[in-house]
């Protein structure tokens, strides 16, 4: 009887653990795993590693050039320093006019909201007072947060830039834990 009860409890724990291991995806690629594995996966999606930009980027960040949302873009993959696990992807799209930037941002928000039906959308402003939309993405059952996608509409001296961040909850916590262990 005790073995059967233990088996049931372990099975329930395993299912709960499995549900919490769901990761946010970028272009169908889970924001998880090693940076070297991520490099291969984004290369198959047409992203090209940019060694010059990577050398000049913050530590634990690889930079790529490619297309996102049918536009030329720069993408940065951030990873933990100890385990080299990817936890965030940032896409930067430079756009020629403010009205085009706003239109692209609105279309992107609508499509992401449609893709992630159970998501929650929050509209606010950044610390620099730019429009910021955050879309919180739950897991399939809707009971745990998988990640967040933020869309920043940056308008500075006639430079119009969309900055889209895909941040995985589990691996962001792993990054924080690794940084704390260094203190």
N, C-alpha and C. Protein backbone atom coordinates (compact mmCIF):
# COMPACT_ATOMS: atom_id res chain seq x y z
N UNK A 1 0.83 -1.19 0.00
CA UNK A 1 0.00 0.00 0.00
C UNK A 1 0.87 1.25 0.00
N UNK A 2 1.93 1.25 0.87
CA UNK A 2 2.81 2.41 0.94
C UNK A 2 3.54 2.61 -0.38
N UNK A 3 3.94 1.51 -1.04
CA UNK A 3 4.64 1.61 -2.31
C UNK A 3 3.71 2.20 -3.38
N UNK A 4 2.45 1.79 -3.37
CA UNK A 4 1.49 2.31 -4.33
C UNK A 4 1.25 3.80 -4.11
N UNK A 5 1.13 4.20 -2.84
CA UNK A 5 0.94 5.61 -2.51
C UNK A 5 2.16 6.44 -2.91
N UNK A 6 3.33 5.90 -2.63
CA UNK A 6 4.58 6.58 -3.00
C UNK A 6 4.67 6.72 -4.52
N UNK A 7 4.31 5.67 -5.24
CA UNK A 7 4.33 5.71 -6.70
C UNK A 7 3.39 6.80 -7.23
N UNK A 8 2.20 6.88 -6.66
CA UNK A 8 1.23 7.89 -7.08
C UNK A 8 1.76 9.29 -6.80
N UNK A 9 2.32 9.49 -5.61
CA UNK A 9 2.87 10.81 -5.26
C UNK A 9 4.03 11.20 -6.17
N UNK A 10 4.93 10.26 -6.44
CA UNK A 10 6.06 10.55 -7.34
C UNK A 10 5.58 10.83 -8.76
N UNK A 11 4.57 10.10 -9.19
CA UNK A 11 4.02 10.33 -10.52
C UNK A 11 3.41 11.73 -10.61
N UNK A 12 2.67 12.11 -9.58
CA UNK A 12 2.07 13.45 -9.55
C UNK A 12 3.16 14.51 -9.53
N UNK A 13 4.21 14.28 -8.75
CA UNK A 13 5.33 15.23 -8.70
C UNK A 13 6.01 15.34 -10.06
N UNK A 14 6.19 14.19 -10.72
CA UNK A 14 6.84 14.19 -12.03
C UNK A 14 6.01 14.96 -13.05
N UNK A 15 4.69 14.76 -13.01
CA UNK A 15 3.82 15.50 -13.92
C UNK A 15 3.87 16.99 -13.64
N UNK A 16 3.87 17.38 -12.37
CA UNK A 16 3.97 18.79 -12.00
C UNK A 16 5.29 19.37 -12.46
N UNK A 17 6.37 18.62 -12.24
CA UNK A 17 7.69 19.08 -12.67
C UNK A 17 7.74 19.22 -14.18
N UNK A 18 7.14 18.26 -14.90
CA UNK A 18 7.12 18.32 -16.35
C UNK A 18 6.39 19.56 -16.82
N UNK A 19 5.26 19.86 -16.19
CA UNK A 19 4.47 21.02 -16.59
C UNK A 19 5.25 22.31 -16.37
N UNK A 20 6.08 22.34 -15.35
CA UNK A 20 6.84 23.55 -15.07
C UNK A 20 8.09 23.67 -15.92
N UNK A 21 8.40 22.68 -16.73
CA UNK A 21 9.58 22.73 -17.57
C UNK A 21 9.26 23.23 -18.98
N UNK A 22 8.07 23.70 -19.20
CA UNK A 22 7.70 24.27 -20.49
C UNK A 22 8.45 25.60 -20.65
N UNK A 23 9.01 25.82 -21.82
CA UNK A 23 9.80 27.03 -22.07
C UNK A 23 9.17 27.89 -23.16
N UNK A 24 9.39 29.18 -23.05
CA UNK A 24 8.98 30.12 -24.09
C UNK A 24 9.79 29.81 -25.34
N UNK A 25 9.20 30.06 -26.50
CA UNK A 25 9.89 29.78 -27.76
C UNK A 25 10.07 31.06 -28.56
N UNK A 26 11.15 31.09 -29.33
CA UNK A 26 11.42 32.15 -30.28
C UNK A 26 11.51 31.50 -31.66
N UNK A 27 10.61 31.87 -32.55
CA UNK A 27 10.52 31.28 -33.89
C UNK A 27 10.50 29.75 -33.82
N UNK A 28 9.78 29.21 -32.84
CA UNK A 28 9.63 27.77 -32.69
C UNK A 28 10.77 27.10 -31.96
N UNK A 29 11.79 27.88 -31.57
CA UNK A 29 12.95 27.34 -30.88
C UNK A 29 12.80 27.61 -29.39
N UNK A 30 12.81 26.57 -28.55
CA UNK A 30 12.71 26.82 -27.10
C UNK A 30 13.87 27.69 -26.61
N UNK A 31 13.57 28.64 -25.76
CA UNK A 31 14.61 29.48 -25.15
C UNK A 31 15.13 28.68 -23.97
N UNK A 32 15.98 27.72 -24.33
CA UNK A 32 16.49 26.75 -23.37
C UNK A 32 17.68 26.06 -24.01
N UNK A 33 18.44 25.37 -23.23
CA UNK A 33 19.57 24.63 -23.75
C UNK A 33 20.81 25.49 -23.85
N UNK A 34 21.88 24.89 -24.33
CA UNK A 34 23.16 25.58 -24.40
C UNK A 34 23.17 26.61 -25.53
N UNK A 35 24.04 27.59 -25.40
CA UNK A 35 24.16 28.61 -26.44
C UNK A 35 24.68 27.99 -27.74
N UNK A 36 25.53 26.97 -27.66
CA UNK A 36 26.02 26.35 -28.90
C UNK A 36 24.89 25.63 -29.64
N UNK A 37 24.01 24.97 -28.91
CA UNK A 37 22.85 24.33 -29.52
C UNK A 37 21.90 25.38 -30.11
N UNK A 38 21.72 26.47 -29.37
CA UNK A 38 20.85 27.56 -29.85
C UNK A 38 21.43 28.16 -31.14
N UNK A 39 22.76 28.31 -31.21
CA UNK A 39 23.41 28.84 -32.42
C UNK A 39 23.02 28.02 -33.64
N UNK A 40 23.07 26.70 -33.51
CA UNK A 40 22.73 25.82 -34.62
C UNK A 40 21.26 25.96 -35.03
N UNK A 41 20.41 26.05 -34.03
CA UNK A 41 18.98 26.14 -34.32
C UNK A 41 18.60 27.45 -35.01
N UNK A 42 19.18 28.57 -34.55
CA UNK A 42 18.83 29.85 -35.19
C UNK A 42 19.47 29.95 -36.57
N UNK A 43 20.62 29.30 -36.77
CA UNK A 43 21.24 29.28 -38.10
C UNK A 43 20.32 28.59 -39.10
N UNK A 44 19.63 27.54 -38.65
CA UNK A 44 18.70 26.83 -39.54
C UNK A 44 17.48 27.68 -39.88
N UNK A 45 17.26 28.75 -39.11
CA UNK A 45 16.15 29.68 -39.37
C UNK A 45 16.62 30.89 -40.19
N UNK A 46 17.90 30.88 -40.60
CA UNK A 46 18.40 31.96 -41.44
C UNK A 46 19.17 33.06 -40.72
N UNK A 47 19.37 32.92 -39.42
CA UNK A 47 20.14 33.91 -38.67
C UNK A 47 21.63 33.63 -38.84
N UNK A 48 22.41 34.70 -39.03
CA UNK A 48 23.85 34.59 -39.21
C UNK A 48 24.56 35.18 -38.00
N UNK A 49 25.46 34.39 -37.43
CA UNK A 49 26.24 34.83 -36.28
C UNK A 49 27.12 36.01 -36.71
N UNK A 50 27.13 37.08 -35.90
CA UNK A 50 27.94 38.27 -36.18
C UNK A 50 29.04 38.36 -35.12
N UNK A 51 30.26 37.95 -35.50
CA UNK A 51 31.35 37.91 -34.52
C UNK A 51 31.76 39.30 -34.07
N UNK A 52 31.72 40.29 -34.96
CA UNK A 52 32.10 41.65 -34.57
C UNK A 52 31.15 42.21 -33.51
N UNK A 53 29.85 42.11 -33.77
CA UNK A 53 28.87 42.61 -32.80
C UNK A 53 28.90 41.81 -31.51
N UNK A 54 29.15 40.51 -31.60
CA UNK A 54 29.23 39.68 -30.40
C UNK A 54 30.41 40.11 -29.52
N UNK A 55 31.55 40.41 -30.14
CA UNK A 55 32.73 40.85 -29.37
C UNK A 55 32.45 42.16 -28.62
N UNK A 56 31.60 42.99 -29.21
CA UNK A 56 31.30 44.29 -28.61
C UNK A 56 30.03 44.29 -27.77
N UNK A 57 29.39 43.14 -27.66
CA UNK A 57 28.16 43.01 -26.87
C UNK A 57 28.52 42.75 -25.41
N UNK A 58 27.54 42.85 -24.53
CA UNK A 58 27.79 42.50 -23.12
C UNK A 58 28.24 41.04 -23.01
N UNK A 59 28.89 40.72 -21.90
CA UNK A 59 29.32 39.35 -21.66
C UNK A 59 28.11 38.41 -21.68
N UNK A 60 28.33 37.20 -22.15
CA UNK A 60 27.29 36.16 -22.22
C UNK A 60 26.15 36.56 -23.15
N UNK A 61 26.52 37.06 -24.34
CA UNK A 61 25.54 37.48 -25.33
C UNK A 61 26.10 37.22 -26.72
N UNK A 62 25.37 36.47 -27.54
CA UNK A 62 25.74 36.27 -28.94
C UNK A 62 24.80 37.09 -29.81
N UNK A 63 25.34 37.67 -30.88
CA UNK A 63 24.55 38.55 -31.75
C UNK A 63 24.48 37.96 -33.16
N UNK A 64 23.32 38.10 -33.78
CA UNK A 64 23.06 37.54 -35.09
C UNK A 64 22.36 38.59 -35.97
N UNK A 65 22.44 38.39 -37.27
CA UNK A 65 21.70 39.20 -38.24
C UNK A 65 20.74 38.27 -38.97
N UNK A 66 19.56 38.79 -39.28
CA UNK A 66 18.59 37.97 -40.00
C UNK A 66 17.30 38.73 -40.21
N UNK A 67 16.23 37.99 -40.33
CA UNK A 67 14.91 38.59 -40.55
C UNK A 67 13.96 38.16 -39.43
N UNK A 68 13.18 39.12 -39.01
CA UNK A 68 12.11 38.84 -38.06
C UNK A 68 10.91 39.66 -38.49
N UNK A 69 9.79 39.02 -38.58
CA UNK A 69 8.55 39.69 -38.98
C UNK A 69 8.74 40.34 -40.36
N UNK A 70 9.43 39.61 -41.24
CA UNK A 70 9.72 40.03 -42.62
C UNK A 70 10.55 41.30 -42.72
N UNK A 71 11.33 41.61 -41.68
CA UNK A 71 12.17 42.81 -41.68
C UNK A 71 13.59 42.44 -41.27
N UNK A 72 14.55 43.18 -41.84
CA UNK A 72 15.94 43.00 -41.42
C UNK A 72 16.03 43.29 -39.93
N UNK A 73 16.76 42.45 -39.21
CA UNK A 73 16.80 42.60 -37.76
C UNK A 73 18.14 42.13 -37.21
N UNK A 74 18.41 42.59 -36.00
CA UNK A 74 19.54 42.11 -35.21
C UNK A 74 18.94 41.36 -34.03
N UNK A 75 19.52 40.21 -33.73
CA UNK A 75 19.01 39.41 -32.63
C UNK A 75 20.15 39.11 -31.67
N UNK A 76 19.87 39.22 -30.38
CA UNK A 76 20.86 38.89 -29.35
C UNK A 76 20.30 37.77 -28.49
N UNK A 77 21.13 36.75 -28.26
CA UNK A 77 20.75 35.66 -27.37
C UNK A 77 21.60 35.78 -26.11
N UNK A 78 20.94 35.94 -24.97
CA UNK A 78 21.63 36.07 -23.68
C UNK A 78 21.63 34.71 -23.01
N UNK A 79 22.76 34.38 -22.39
CA UNK A 79 22.88 33.07 -21.74
C UNK A 79 23.59 33.22 -20.40
N UNK A 80 23.37 32.22 -19.54
CA UNK A 80 23.97 32.25 -18.21
C UNK A 80 25.48 32.05 -18.33
N UNK A 81 26.22 32.64 -17.41
CA UNK A 81 27.68 32.56 -17.50
C UNK A 81 28.25 31.21 -17.08
N UNK A 82 27.59 30.52 -16.18
CA UNK A 82 28.13 29.24 -15.70
C UNK A 82 27.69 28.06 -16.55
N UNK A 83 26.38 27.91 -16.75
CA UNK A 83 25.87 26.75 -17.49
C UNK A 83 25.67 27.02 -18.97
N UNK A 84 25.84 28.28 -19.39
CA UNK A 84 25.70 28.69 -20.80
C UNK A 84 24.30 28.38 -21.35
N UNK A 85 23.29 28.50 -20.47
CA UNK A 85 21.91 28.23 -20.84
C UNK A 85 21.24 29.51 -21.34
N UNK A 86 20.62 29.45 -22.50
CA UNK A 86 19.94 30.62 -23.06
C UNK A 86 18.72 30.94 -22.21
N UNK A 87 18.54 32.23 -21.88
CA UNK A 87 17.38 32.62 -21.08
C UNK A 87 16.58 33.78 -21.68
N UNK A 88 17.19 34.53 -22.61
CA UNK A 88 16.47 35.65 -23.21
C UNK A 88 16.94 35.86 -24.64
N UNK A 89 16.00 36.25 -25.48
CA UNK A 89 16.29 36.61 -26.87
C UNK A 89 15.75 38.01 -27.09
N UNK A 90 16.59 38.87 -27.66
CA UNK A 90 16.17 40.25 -27.96
C UNK A 90 16.31 40.48 -29.45
N UNK A 91 15.24 40.99 -30.06
CA UNK A 91 15.25 41.33 -31.48
C UNK A 91 15.13 42.84 -31.60
N UNK A 92 15.99 43.41 -32.45
CA UNK A 92 15.99 44.86 -32.66
C UNK A 92 15.73 45.11 -34.14
N UNK A 93 14.68 45.89 -34.41
CA UNK A 93 14.32 46.24 -35.78
C UNK A 93 14.32 47.75 -35.91
N UNK A 94 15.16 48.27 -36.79
CA UNK A 94 15.17 49.70 -37.08
C UNK A 94 14.17 49.98 -38.18
N UNK A 95 13.36 51.02 -37.99
CA UNK A 95 12.28 51.33 -38.91
C UNK A 95 12.38 52.79 -39.31
N UNK A 96 11.97 53.11 -40.55
CA UNK A 96 12.22 54.44 -41.11
C UNK A 96 11.33 55.56 -40.56
N UNK A 97 10.08 55.25 -40.21
CA UNK A 97 9.19 56.32 -39.74
C UNK A 97 8.46 55.89 -38.47
N UNK A 98 8.01 56.87 -37.74
CA UNK A 98 7.28 56.59 -36.51
C UNK A 98 5.97 55.87 -36.80
N UNK A 99 5.25 56.32 -37.83
CA UNK A 99 3.96 55.70 -38.14
C UNK A 99 4.14 54.24 -38.57
N UNK A 100 5.20 53.94 -39.31
CA UNK A 100 5.48 52.56 -39.69
C UNK A 100 5.82 51.73 -38.45
N UNK A 101 6.63 52.30 -37.55
CA UNK A 101 6.98 51.59 -36.32
C UNK A 101 5.73 51.26 -35.51
N UNK A 102 4.84 52.23 -35.36
CA UNK A 102 3.61 52.01 -34.60
C UNK A 102 2.73 50.96 -35.26
N UNK A 103 2.67 51.00 -36.59
CA UNK A 103 1.86 50.04 -37.34
C UNK A 103 2.42 48.62 -37.19
N UNK A 104 3.74 48.48 -37.33
CA UNK A 104 4.37 47.18 -37.18
C UNK A 104 4.19 46.66 -35.75
N UNK A 105 4.36 47.54 -34.77
CA UNK A 105 4.19 47.14 -33.37
C UNK A 105 2.76 46.67 -33.10
N UNK A 106 1.78 47.40 -33.61
CA UNK A 106 0.38 47.01 -33.41
C UNK A 106 0.08 45.66 -34.05
N UNK A 107 0.58 45.46 -35.26
CA UNK A 107 0.35 44.18 -35.95
C UNK A 107 1.01 43.03 -35.18
N UNK A 108 2.23 43.26 -34.73
CA UNK A 108 2.96 42.24 -33.96
C UNK A 108 2.22 41.90 -32.67
N UNK A 109 1.75 42.92 -31.95
CA UNK A 109 1.00 42.68 -30.70
C UNK A 109 -0.24 41.85 -30.97
N UNK A 110 -0.98 42.22 -32.02
CA UNK A 110 -2.22 41.51 -32.35
C UNK A 110 -1.94 40.05 -32.70
N UNK A 111 -0.89 39.81 -33.48
CA UNK A 111 -0.56 38.43 -33.85
C UNK A 111 -0.08 37.61 -32.65
N UNK A 112 0.74 38.22 -31.79
CA UNK A 112 1.20 37.50 -30.60
C UNK A 112 0.03 37.20 -29.67
N UNK A 113 -0.88 38.14 -29.53
CA UNK A 113 -2.06 37.93 -28.67
C UNK A 113 -2.92 36.79 -29.24
N UNK A 114 -3.01 36.75 -30.57
CA UNK A 114 -3.77 35.68 -31.22
C UNK A 114 -3.06 34.33 -31.04
N UNK A 115 -1.73 34.32 -31.19
CA UNK A 115 -0.96 33.08 -31.04
C UNK A 115 -1.04 32.54 -29.63
N UNK A 116 -0.93 33.43 -28.66
CA UNK A 116 -0.97 33.04 -27.24
C UNK A 116 -2.31 33.50 -26.66
N UNK A 117 -3.36 32.76 -26.96
CA UNK A 117 -4.73 33.14 -26.61
C UNK A 117 -4.95 33.41 -25.13
N UNK A 118 -4.29 32.64 -24.27
CA UNK A 118 -4.51 32.79 -22.83
C UNK A 118 -3.56 33.79 -22.18
N UNK A 119 -2.86 34.55 -23.00
CA UNK A 119 -1.88 35.50 -22.46
C UNK A 119 -2.56 36.74 -21.88
N UNK A 120 -1.80 37.46 -21.09
CA UNK A 120 -2.26 38.72 -20.50
C UNK A 120 -1.40 39.83 -21.06
N UNK A 121 -2.04 40.89 -21.50
CA UNK A 121 -1.32 42.00 -22.11
C UNK A 121 -1.35 43.21 -21.18
N UNK A 122 -0.20 43.81 -20.97
CA UNK A 122 -0.08 45.01 -20.14
C UNK A 122 0.58 46.10 -20.97
N UNK A 123 -0.06 47.26 -21.02
CA UNK A 123 0.50 48.40 -21.74
C UNK A 123 0.92 49.44 -20.72
N UNK A 124 2.16 49.91 -20.86
CA UNK A 124 2.73 50.86 -19.91
C UNK A 124 3.75 51.72 -20.65
N UNK A 125 4.64 52.36 -19.92
CA UNK A 125 5.76 53.08 -20.53
C UNK A 125 7.05 52.62 -19.86
N UNK A 126 8.13 52.71 -20.62
CA UNK A 126 9.44 52.32 -20.09
C UNK A 126 9.95 53.42 -19.16
N UNK A 127 11.08 53.16 -18.53
CA UNK A 127 11.70 54.17 -17.66
C UNK A 127 12.03 55.44 -18.44
N UNK A 128 12.27 55.28 -19.74
CA UNK A 128 12.60 56.42 -20.59
C UNK A 128 11.35 57.04 -21.22
N UNK A 129 10.18 56.56 -20.79
CA UNK A 129 8.89 57.09 -21.23
C UNK A 129 8.50 56.70 -22.66
N UNK A 130 8.98 55.56 -23.13
CA UNK A 130 8.58 55.04 -24.44
C UNK A 130 7.45 54.03 -24.25
N UNK A 131 6.57 53.89 -25.24
CA UNK A 131 5.50 52.89 -25.14
C UNK A 131 6.07 51.48 -24.99
N UNK A 132 5.54 50.74 -24.02
CA UNK A 132 6.01 49.39 -23.73
C UNK A 132 4.80 48.49 -23.52
N UNK A 133 4.79 47.39 -24.24
CA UNK A 133 3.73 46.39 -24.09
C UNK A 133 4.39 45.09 -23.62
N UNK A 134 3.82 44.49 -22.59
CA UNK A 134 4.34 43.21 -22.08
C UNK A 134 3.22 42.19 -22.21
N UNK A 135 3.56 41.07 -22.83
CA UNK A 135 2.61 39.98 -23.00
C UNK A 135 3.11 38.82 -22.14
N UNK A 136 2.34 38.46 -21.13
CA UNK A 136 2.69 37.38 -20.22
C UNK A 136 2.13 36.08 -20.78
N UNK A 137 3.00 35.10 -20.98
CA UNK A 137 2.63 33.85 -21.64
C UNK A 137 2.53 32.72 -20.61
N UNK A 138 1.32 32.15 -20.43
CA UNK A 138 1.18 31.01 -19.50
C UNK A 138 1.49 29.70 -20.22
N UNK A 139 1.65 28.63 -19.43
CA UNK A 139 1.82 27.31 -20.02
C UNK A 139 0.49 26.86 -20.63
N UNK A 140 0.50 25.67 -21.23
CA UNK A 140 -0.69 25.16 -21.93
C UNK A 140 -1.90 25.06 -21.03
N UNK A 141 -1.70 24.70 -19.76
CA UNK A 141 -2.84 24.57 -18.84
C UNK A 141 -3.22 25.91 -18.21
N UNK A 142 -2.40 26.92 -18.41
CA UNK A 142 -2.73 28.26 -17.93
C UNK A 142 -2.44 28.53 -16.47
N UNK A 143 -1.76 27.59 -15.79
CA UNK A 143 -1.56 27.78 -14.35
C UNK A 143 -0.15 28.26 -13.96
N UNK A 144 0.77 28.31 -14.93
CA UNK A 144 2.14 28.73 -14.64
C UNK A 144 2.63 29.66 -15.74
N UNK A 145 3.36 30.68 -15.36
CA UNK A 145 3.92 31.60 -16.34
C UNK A 145 5.15 30.96 -16.98
N UNK A 146 5.16 30.91 -18.32
CA UNK A 146 6.28 30.35 -19.07
C UNK A 146 7.30 31.44 -19.39
N UNK A 147 6.78 32.62 -19.71
CA UNK A 147 7.68 33.71 -20.07
C UNK A 147 6.91 34.97 -20.38
N UNK A 148 7.66 35.95 -20.87
CA UNK A 148 7.04 37.22 -21.24
C UNK A 148 7.70 37.73 -22.51
N UNK A 149 6.90 38.38 -23.32
CA UNK A 149 7.39 39.03 -24.53
C UNK A 149 7.10 40.52 -24.36
N UNK A 150 8.13 41.32 -24.42
CA UNK A 150 7.92 42.76 -24.30
C UNK A 150 8.25 43.44 -25.62
N UNK A 151 7.48 44.45 -25.95
CA UNK A 151 7.67 45.21 -27.19
C UNK A 151 7.83 46.67 -26.81
N UNK A 152 9.01 47.19 -27.05
CA UNK A 152 9.34 48.58 -26.74
C UNK A 152 9.40 49.36 -28.04
N UNK A 153 8.65 50.46 -28.10
CA UNK A 153 8.65 51.33 -29.28
C UNK A 153 9.51 52.55 -28.97
N UNK A 154 10.73 52.53 -29.45
CA UNK A 154 11.69 53.57 -29.11
C UNK A 154 11.77 54.61 -30.23
N UNK A 155 11.54 55.84 -29.85
CA UNK A 155 11.53 56.96 -30.79
C UNK A 155 12.49 58.01 -30.24
N UNK A 156 13.70 58.06 -30.81
CA UNK A 156 14.70 58.97 -30.29
C UNK A 156 15.36 59.71 -31.44
N UNK A 157 15.13 61.03 -31.49
CA UNK A 157 15.75 61.88 -32.51
C UNK A 157 15.62 61.31 -33.92
N UNK A 158 14.41 61.01 -34.31
CA UNK A 158 14.10 60.47 -35.64
C UNK A 158 14.67 59.08 -35.89
N UNK A 159 15.10 58.39 -34.85
CA UNK A 159 15.47 56.98 -34.95
C UNK A 159 14.31 56.18 -34.38
N UNK A 160 13.77 55.27 -35.15
CA UNK A 160 12.61 54.50 -34.72
C UNK A 160 13.02 53.03 -34.64
N UNK A 161 12.89 52.47 -33.46
CA UNK A 161 13.36 51.11 -33.21
C UNK A 161 12.34 50.33 -32.40
N UNK A 162 12.07 49.12 -32.87
CA UNK A 162 11.28 48.17 -32.09
C UNK A 162 12.25 47.22 -31.41
N UNK A 163 12.10 47.07 -30.11
CA UNK A 163 12.92 46.13 -29.35
C UNK A 163 11.98 45.11 -28.75
N UNK A 164 12.13 43.87 -29.20
CA UNK A 164 11.23 42.80 -28.76
C UNK A 164 12.05 41.81 -27.93
N UNK A 165 11.66 41.64 -26.67
CA UNK A 165 12.35 40.72 -25.76
C UNK A 165 11.49 39.50 -25.50
N UNK A 166 12.09 38.33 -25.63
CA UNK A 166 11.46 37.07 -25.29
C UNK A 166 12.22 36.54 -24.09
N UNK A 167 11.58 36.49 -22.94
CA UNK A 167 12.29 36.06 -21.73
C UNK A 167 11.62 34.84 -21.12
N UNK A 168 12.39 33.77 -20.99
CA UNK A 168 11.92 32.52 -20.41
C UNK A 168 12.02 32.60 -18.89
N UNK A 169 10.95 32.27 -18.19
CA UNK A 169 10.91 32.38 -16.73
C UNK A 169 11.90 31.44 -16.05
N UNK A 170 11.87 30.17 -16.40
CA UNK A 170 12.72 29.18 -15.72
C UNK A 170 14.19 29.53 -15.86
N UNK A 171 14.62 29.83 -17.08
CA UNK A 171 16.03 30.09 -17.29
C UNK A 171 16.46 31.48 -16.83
N UNK A 172 15.54 32.42 -16.75
CA UNK A 172 15.87 33.72 -16.16
C UNK A 172 16.14 33.57 -14.67
N UNK A 173 15.36 32.69 -14.04
CA UNK A 173 15.61 32.40 -12.62
C UNK A 173 16.96 31.71 -12.45
N UNK A 174 17.30 30.83 -13.39
CA UNK A 174 18.60 30.15 -13.35
C UNK A 174 19.73 31.19 -13.47
N UNK A 175 19.55 32.18 -14.37
CA UNK A 175 20.55 33.24 -14.51
C UNK A 175 20.70 34.03 -13.22
N UNK A 176 19.58 34.39 -12.60
CA UNK A 176 19.62 35.11 -11.33
C UNK A 176 20.32 34.29 -10.25
N UNK A 177 19.99 32.99 -10.17
CA UNK A 177 20.62 32.11 -9.18
C UNK A 177 22.13 32.03 -9.39
N UNK A 178 22.55 31.92 -10.65
CA UNK A 178 23.98 31.84 -10.92
C UNK A 178 24.68 33.15 -10.53
N UNK A 179 24.04 34.27 -10.82
CA UNK A 179 24.64 35.56 -10.45
C UNK A 179 24.73 35.70 -8.93
N UNK A 180 23.68 35.26 -8.23
CA UNK A 180 23.70 35.33 -6.77
C UNK A 180 24.78 34.44 -6.16
N UNK A 181 25.03 33.29 -6.80
CA UNK A 181 26.05 32.38 -6.26
C UNK A 181 27.45 32.97 -6.41
N UNK A 182 27.62 33.94 -7.31
CA UNK A 182 28.91 34.59 -7.50
C UNK A 182 29.19 35.66 -6.45
N UNK A 183 28.17 36.04 -5.69
CA UNK A 183 28.35 37.12 -4.70
C UNK A 183 29.06 36.64 -3.45
